[in-house]
Amino acid sequence: MRTRTFNPPARSSPYPQRERTKSARFASVSDSNTPVPPVVAAAAALKPPRRKLKQPPTTTTTATTTTPPLALNSPLFNGVNPAHLVRALRGIGRGNYPDAHGHLYLCIVQARNAAAHRGRVSSLVVCLLMLYSDNWLRLGVPSRAVISMEDALIAQEQIGEESEEDRRHATLAGIELRQLIESGKPTKTNLA
C-alpha cells in the first residue's frame, strides 16, 4: 500500500488549522485492482463545474449608464474621506437618508478635525452641519435637526470674516457637493 503524498495548499488564515474529522475512507489512494465504489464515482460525475468569475458583457448597452467618479477639487475637502462624502451625498440624492446619515456624520467629524489642524473652522463644516440638520428633518427627528442647525450657526459665527479666496473655495465646494447629490438621483430612462 502506498502512502498519501497529497500536500494541502498553503493557508493564509491566522488561525491554526483544525484536524480533519471526516473519514478519508474513499480519499486514500487505491490499488489498480480495487474498483472505485459506485457512490464515489457517481458523486464525482455529478460534481458541478467550478464557478468562473463573471466577465463584464462585451456588448455595450445604452440603457445602463454609469456615473463617472467625481473629483473633489476644492481644498476644503482636504482631510475628508471622499468615499464617505460621495456615499453620503449620493444617498441623499437617492432618498436613502438613514444610510447617508452615518456617512455624513463621519464627514463632519473628519472636516472638524481637519479644520482644527488648520487652526480655524471651515465653511465645509458649516455646510455639512446644515446638510446633517436637513437630514434629521427628513428622518423625522426635528429636535435633533434644531441642535444640528444651532451647531452650524455657532460654527458660522466662528468663521468670522472670509477672504475672497475662502469664498471662492466655498463656492467650488458647494458646486461639487450639489453635483454629488445630483449624481445620486436615479436617471429617468425611456421605458417605452
C-alpha atoms as a PDB file:
ATOM      1  CA  MET A   1       0.000   0.000   0.000  1.00  0.00           C
ATOM      2  CA  ARG A   2       1.285   3.442  -0.933  1.00  0.00           C
ATOM      3  CA  THR A   3       1.298   6.416   1.373  1.00  0.00           C
ATOM      4  CA  ARG A   4      -0.533   9.609   0.643  1.00  0.00           C
ATOM      5  CA  THR A   5       1.511  12.371  -0.939  1.00  0.00           C
ATOM      6  CA  PHE A   6      -1.244  14.997  -1.000  1.00  0.00           C
ATOM      7  CA  ASN A   7       0.025  18.388   0.160  1.00  0.00           C
ATOM      8  CA  PRO A   8      -2.752  20.796   1.106  1.00  0.00           C
ATOM      9  CA  PRO A   9      -2.476  24.314  -0.328  1.00  0.00           C
ATOM     10  CA  ALA A  10      -0.887  26.960   1.856  1.00  0.00           C
ATOM     11  CA  ARG A  11      -3.434  28.702   4.051  1.00  0.00           C
ATOM     12  CA  SER A  12      -3.498  32.411   4.533  1.00  0.00           C
ATOM     13  CA  SER A  13      -5.563  32.313   7.726  1.00  0.00           C
ATOM     14  CA  PRO A  14      -4.014  33.486  11.006  1.00  0.00           C
ATOM     15  CA  TYR A  15      -5.889  30.734  12.879  1.00  0.00           C
ATOM     16  CA  PRO A  16      -4.434  27.249  13.386  1.00  0.00           C
ATOM     17  CA  GLN A  17      -5.725  24.551  11.091  1.00  0.00           C
ATOM     18  CA  ARG A  18      -8.137  22.042  12.610  1.00  0.00           C
ATOM     19  CA  GLU A  19      -7.634  18.339  12.428  1.00  0.00           C
ATOM     20  CA  ARG A  20      -9.957  16.778   9.848  1.00  0.00           C
ATOM     21  CA  THR A  21     -12.716  14.782  11.486  1.00  0.00           C
ATOM     22  CA  LYS A  22     -14.385  13.275   8.419  1.00  0.00           C
ATOM     23  CA  SER A  23     -13.451   9.825   7.294  1.00  0.00           C
ATOM     24  CA  ALA A  24     -10.922   9.612   4.495  1.00  0.00           C
ATOM     25  CA  ARG A  25     -12.072   6.113   3.555  1.00  0.00           C
ATOM     26  CA  PHE A  26     -12.505   6.736  -0.156  1.00  0.00           C
ATOM     27  CA  ALA A  27      -9.935   9.509  -0.417  1.00  0.00           C
ATOM     28  CA  SER A  28      -6.974   7.193   0.013  1.00  0.00           C
ATOM     29  CA  VAL A  29      -5.022   6.025  -2.984  1.00  0.00           C
ATOM     30  CA  SER A  30      -6.380   2.690  -4.088  1.00  0.00           C
ATOM     31  CA  ASP A  31      -4.677  -0.167  -5.869  1.00  0.00           C
ATOM     32  CA  SER A  32      -5.278  -0.507  -9.578  1.00  0.00           C
ATOM     33  CA  ASN A  33      -7.043  -3.851  -8.875  1.00  0.00           C
ATOM     34  CA  THR A  34      -9.552  -2.324  -6.448  1.00  0.00           C
ATOM     35  CA  PRO A  35     -12.555  -0.789  -8.213  1.00  0.00           C
ATOM     36  CA  VAL A  36     -13.799   2.625  -7.168  1.00  0.00           C
ATOM     37  CA  PRO A  37     -17.044   2.399  -5.176  1.00  0.00           C
ATOM     38  CA  PRO A  38     -20.037   3.360  -7.357  1.00  0.00           C
ATOM     39  CA  VAL A  39     -21.251   6.056  -4.948  1.00  0.00           C
ATOM     40  CA  VAL A  40     -17.956   7.928  -5.199  1.00  0.00           C
ATOM     41  CA  ALA A  41     -17.876   7.573  -8.981  1.00  0.00           C
ATOM     42  CA  ALA A  42     -21.443   8.897  -9.288  1.00  0.00           C
ATOM     43  CA  ALA A  43     -20.731  11.801  -6.944  1.00  0.00           C
ATOM     44  CA  ALA A  44     -17.644  12.737  -8.943  1.00  0.00           C
ATOM     45  CA  ALA A  45     -19.654  12.672 -12.163  1.00  0.00           C
ATOM     46  CA  LEU A  46     -22.384  14.917 -10.696  1.00  0.00           C
ATOM     47  CA  LYS A  47     -19.957  17.443  -9.296  1.00  0.00           C
ATOM     48  CA  PRO A  48     -20.841  20.889 -10.677  1.00  0.00           C
ATOM     49  CA  PRO A  49     -18.144  22.697 -12.624  1.00  0.00           C
ATOM     50  CA  ARG A  50     -16.167  25.322 -10.781  1.00  0.00           C
ATOM     51  CA  ARG A  51     -17.653  28.776 -10.949  1.00  0.00           C
ATOM     52  CA  LYS A  52     -15.754  31.277 -13.004  1.00  0.00           C
ATOM     53  CA  LEU A  53     -15.621  34.958 -12.240  1.00  0.00           C
ATOM     54  CA  LYS A  54     -18.285  36.872 -14.082  1.00  0.00           C
ATOM     55  CA  GLN A  55     -16.918  38.781 -17.009  1.00  0.00           C
ATOM     56  CA  PRO A  56     -18.456  42.088 -17.990  1.00  0.00           C
ATOM     57  CA  PRO A  57     -20.623  41.844 -21.089  1.00  0.00           C
ATOM     58  CA  THR A  58     -18.772  42.526 -24.291  1.00  0.00           C
ATOM     59  CA  THR A  59     -21.645  44.399 -25.894  1.00  0.00           C
ATOM     60  CA  THR A  60     -22.373  47.878 -24.674  1.00  0.00           C
ATOM     61  CA  THR A  61     -25.937  48.801 -23.876  1.00  0.00           C
ATOM     62  CA  THR A  62     -27.292  52.305 -23.912  1.00  0.00           C
ATOM     63  CA  ALA A  63     -29.893  51.611 -21.213  1.00  0.00           C
ATOM     64  CA  THR A  64     -27.335  51.273 -18.436  1.00  0.00           C
ATOM     65  CA  THR A  65     -25.319  54.354 -17.694  1.00  0.00           C
ATOM     66  CA  THR A  66     -22.706  54.647 -15.031  1.00  0.00           C
ATOM     67  CA  THR A  67     -21.813  57.908 -13.428  1.00  0.00           C
ATOM     68  CA  PRO A  68     -18.112  58.596 -13.501  1.00  0.00           C
ATOM     69  CA  PRO A  69     -16.490  59.224 -10.153  1.00  0.00           C
ATOM     70  CA  LEU A  70     -16.400  62.916  -9.426  1.00  0.00           C
ATOM     71  CA  ALA A  71     -13.132  64.510  -8.452  1.00  0.00           C
ATOM     72  CA  LEU A  72     -13.184  66.693  -5.370  1.00  0.00           C
ATOM     73  CA  ASN A  73     -11.112  69.706  -6.368  1.00  0.00           C
ATOM     74  CA  SER A  74     -11.818  72.136  -3.557  1.00  0.00           C
ATOM     75  CA  PRO A  75      -9.071  72.355  -0.925  1.00  0.00           C
ATOM     76  CA  LEU A  76     -11.814  72.460   1.714  1.00  0.00           C
ATOM     77  CA  PHE A  77     -12.231  68.713   1.193  1.00  0.00           C
ATOM     78  CA  ASN A  78      -8.675  68.009   2.364  1.00  0.00           C
ATOM     79  CA  GLY A  79      -8.837  65.705   5.362  1.00  0.00           C
ATOM     80  CA  VAL A  80     -12.278  64.305   4.495  1.00  0.00           C
ATOM     81  CA  ASN A  81     -12.539  60.782   3.137  1.00  0.00           C
ATOM     82  CA  PRO A  82     -14.034  61.255  -0.340  1.00  0.00           C
ATOM     83  CA  ALA A  83     -15.644  57.798  -0.270  1.00  0.00           C
ATOM     84  CA  HIS A  84     -17.730  58.752   2.783  1.00  0.00           C
ATOM     85  CA  LEU A  85     -18.636  62.093   1.262  1.00  0.00           C
ATOM     86  CA  VAL A  86     -19.692  60.542  -2.050  1.00  0.00           C
ATOM     87  CA  ARG A  87     -21.767  57.858  -0.310  1.00  0.00           C
ATOM     88  CA  ALA A  88     -23.450  60.410   1.936  1.00  0.00           C
ATOM     89  CA  LEU A  89     -24.375  62.849  -0.791  1.00  0.00           C
ATOM     90  CA  ARG A  90     -25.427  60.240  -3.329  1.00  0.00           C
ATOM     91  CA  GLY A  91     -27.535  58.639  -0.596  1.00  0.00           C
ATOM     92  CA  ILE A  92     -29.248  61.985  -0.049  1.00  0.00           C
ATOM     93  CA  GLY A  93     -29.812  62.231  -3.794  1.00  0.00           C
ATOM     94  CA  ARG A  94     -31.414  58.763  -3.850  1.00  0.00           C
ATOM     95  CA  GLY A  95     -33.524  59.498  -0.786  1.00  0.00           C
ATOM     96  CA  ASN A  96     -31.704  56.888   1.316  1.00  0.00           C
ATOM     97  CA  TYR A  97     -31.451  59.170   4.342  1.00  0.00           C
ATOM     98  CA  PRO A  98     -30.610  56.604   7.058  1.00  0.00           C
ATOM     99  CA  ASP A  99     -27.602  55.330   5.096  1.00  0.00           C
ATOM    100  CA  ALA A 100     -26.491  58.832   4.169  1.00  0.00           C
ATOM    101  CA  HIS A 101     -26.791  59.944   7.787  1.00  0.00           C
ATOM    102  CA  GLY A 102     -23.949  57.785   9.106  1.00  0.00           C
ATOM    103  CA  HIS A 103     -21.577  58.740   6.300  1.00  0.00           C
ATOM    104  CA  LEU A 104     -22.472  62.398   6.706  1.00  0.00           C
ATOM    105  CA  TYR A 105     -21.643  62.237  10.412  1.00  0.00           C
ATOM    106  CA  LEU A 106     -18.229  60.699   9.622  1.00  0.00           C
ATOM    107  CA  CYS A 107     -17.572  63.512   7.145  1.00  0.00           C
ATOM    108  CA  ILE A 108     -18.474  66.142   9.756  1.00  0.00           C
ATOM    109  CA  VAL A 109     -16.058  64.617  12.271  1.00  0.00           C
ATOM    110  CA  GLN A 110     -13.279  64.443   9.675  1.00  0.00           C
ATOM    111  CA  ALA A 111     -13.933  68.011   8.472  1.00  0.00           C
ATOM    112  CA  ARG A 112     -13.862  69.309  12.062  1.00  0.00           C
ATOM    113  CA  ASN A 113     -10.573  67.513  12.731  1.00  0.00           C
ATOM    114  CA  ALA A 114      -9.050  68.855   9.508  1.00  0.00           C
ATOM    115  CA  ALA A 115     -10.248  72.376  10.325  1.00  0.00           C
ATOM    116  CA  ALA A 116      -8.814  72.106  13.851  1.00  0.00           C
ATOM    117  CA  HIS A 117      -5.420  71.199  12.362  1.00  0.00           C
ATOM    118  CA  ARG A 118      -5.641  74.312  10.186  1.00  0.00           C
ATOM    119  CA  GLY A 119      -6.456  76.363  13.264  1.00  0.00           C
ATOM    120  CA  ARG A 120      -9.956  77.545  12.377  1.00  0.00           C
ATOM    121  CA  VAL A 121     -13.422  76.387  11.382  1.00  0.00           C
ATOM    122  CA  SER A 122     -14.002  75.864   7.673  1.00  0.00           C
ATOM    123  CA  SER A 123     -17.131  76.634   5.723  1.00  0.00           C
ATOM    124  CA  LEU A 124     -17.286  72.938   4.786  1.00  0.00           C
ATOM    125  CA  VAL A 125     -18.071  72.115   8.418  1.00  0.00           C
ATOM    126  CA  VAL A 126     -20.928  74.632   8.355  1.00  0.00           C
ATOM    127  CA  CYS A 127     -22.265  73.243   5.088  1.00  0.00           C
ATOM    128  CA  LEU A 128     -22.100  69.630   6.281  1.00  0.00           C
ATOM    129  CA  LEU A 129     -23.780  70.539   9.573  1.00  0.00           C
ATOM    130  CA  MET A 130     -26.629  72.182   7.664  1.00  0.00           C
ATOM    131  CA  LEU A 131     -26.999  69.084   5.490  1.00  0.00           C
ATOM    132  CA  TYR A 132     -26.958  66.984   8.651  1.00  0.00           C
ATOM    133  CA  SER A 133     -29.706  69.133  10.160  1.00  0.00           C
ATOM    134  CA  ASP A 134     -31.773  68.774   6.991  1.00  0.00           C
ATOM    135  CA  ASN A 135     -31.226  65.025   7.092  1.00  0.00           C
ATOM    136  CA  TRP A 136     -32.536  64.883  10.680  1.00  0.00           C
ATOM    137  CA  LEU A 137     -35.699  66.623   9.476  1.00  0.00           C
ATOM    138  CA  ARG A 138     -36.108  64.107   6.655  1.00  0.00           C
ATOM    139  CA  LEU A 139     -35.686  61.291   9.174  1.00  0.00           C
ATOM    140  CA  GLY A 140     -38.461  62.824  11.278  1.00  0.00           C
ATOM    141  CA  VAL A 141     -36.441  63.981  14.299  1.00  0.00           C
ATOM    142  CA  PRO A 142     -36.928  67.766  14.467  1.00  0.00           C
ATOM    143  CA  SER A 143     -35.330  68.168  17.909  1.00  0.00           C
ATOM    144  CA  ARG A 144     -32.012  66.812  16.613  1.00  0.00           C
ATOM    145  CA  ALA A 145     -32.362  68.963  13.499  1.00  0.00           C
ATOM    146  CA  VAL A 146     -32.579  72.081  15.677  1.00  0.00           C
ATOM    147  CA  ILE A 147     -29.476  71.053  17.627  1.00  0.00           C
ATOM    148  CA  SER A 148     -27.512  70.440  14.417  1.00  0.00           C
ATOM    149  CA  MET A 149     -28.617  73.776  12.971  1.00  0.00           C
ATOM    150  CA  GLU A 150     -27.505  75.532  16.169  1.00  0.00           C
ATOM    151  CA  ASP A 151     -24.111  73.830  15.795  1.00  0.00           C
ATOM    152  CA  ALA A 152     -23.953  75.085  12.211  1.00  0.00           C
ATOM    153  CA  LEU A 153     -24.783  78.653  13.259  1.00  0.00           C
ATOM    154  CA  ILE A 154     -22.164  78.577  16.031  1.00  0.00           C
ATOM    155  CA  ALA A 155     -19.579  77.327  13.533  1.00  0.00           C
ATOM    156  CA  GLN A 156     -20.643  80.065  11.095  1.00  0.00           C
ATOM    157  CA  GLU A 157     -20.028  82.703  13.779  1.00  0.00           C
ATOM    158  CA  GLN A 158     -16.578  81.238  14.484  1.00  0.00           C
ATOM    159  CA  ILE A 159     -15.563  81.597  10.852  1.00  0.00           C
ATOM    160  CA  GLY A 160     -15.755  85.368  11.049  1.00  0.00           C
ATOM    161  CA  GLU A 161     -14.748  87.434   8.031  1.00  0.00           C
ATOM    162  CA  GLU A 162     -13.863  85.386   4.963  1.00  0.00           C
ATOM    163  CA  SER A 163     -11.326  86.375   2.367  1.00  0.00           C
ATOM    164  CA  GLU A 164     -12.094  86.325  -1.347  1.00  0.00           C
ATOM    165  CA  GLU A 165     -10.108  83.103  -1.731  1.00  0.00           C
ATOM    166  CA  ASP A 166     -12.115  81.430   1.043  1.00  0.00           C
ATOM    167  CA  ARG A 167     -15.336  82.440  -0.710  1.00  0.00           C
ATOM    168  CA  ARG A 168     -14.069  81.002  -3.990  1.00  0.00           C
ATOM    169  CA  HIS A 169     -13.160  77.704  -2.304  1.00  0.00           C
ATOM    170  CA  ALA A 170     -16.526  77.581  -0.547  1.00  0.00           C
ATOM    171  CA  THR A 171     -18.348  78.219  -3.835  1.00  0.00           C
ATOM    172  CA  LEU A 172     -16.373  75.478  -5.565  1.00  0.00           C
ATOM    173  CA  ALA A 173     -17.066  73.097  -2.682  1.00  0.00           C
ATOM    174  CA  GLY A 174     -20.784  73.917  -2.808  1.00  0.00           C
ATOM    175  CA  ILE A 175     -20.931  73.238  -6.539  1.00  0.00           C
ATOM    176  CA  GLU A 176     -19.154  69.914  -6.080  1.00  0.00           C
ATOM    177  CA  LEU A 177     -21.490  68.930  -3.232  1.00  0.00           C
ATOM    178  CA  ARG A 178     -24.522  69.744  -5.401  1.00  0.00           C
ATOM    179  CA  GLN A 179     -23.078  67.650  -8.262  1.00  0.00           C
ATOM    180  CA  LEU A 180     -22.594  64.716  -5.898  1.00  0.00           C
ATOM    181  CA  ILE A 181     -26.189  64.932  -4.700  1.00  0.00           C
ATOM    182  CA  GLU A 182     -27.470  65.183  -8.280  1.00  0.00           C
ATOM    183  CA  SER A 183     -25.328  62.221  -9.377  1.00  0.00           C
ATOM    184  CA  GLY A 184     -27.036  60.049  -6.777  1.00  0.00           C
ATOM    185  CA  LYS A 185     -30.505  60.670  -8.154  1.00  0.00           C
ATOM    186  CA  PRO A 186     -31.782  57.828 -10.329  1.00  0.00           C
ATOM    187  CA  THR A 187     -31.794  58.677 -14.001  1.00  0.00           C
ATOM    188  CA  LYS A 188     -35.110  58.583 -15.785  1.00  0.00           C
ATOM    189  CA  THR A 189     -34.794  56.294 -18.787  1.00  0.00           C
ATOM    190  CA  ASN A 190     -37.269  55.929 -21.576  1.00  0.00           C
ATOM    191  CA  LEU A 191     -39.085  52.680 -20.788  1.00  0.00           C
ATOM    192  CA  ALA A 192     -41.229  52.685 -23.962  1.00  0.00           C
END
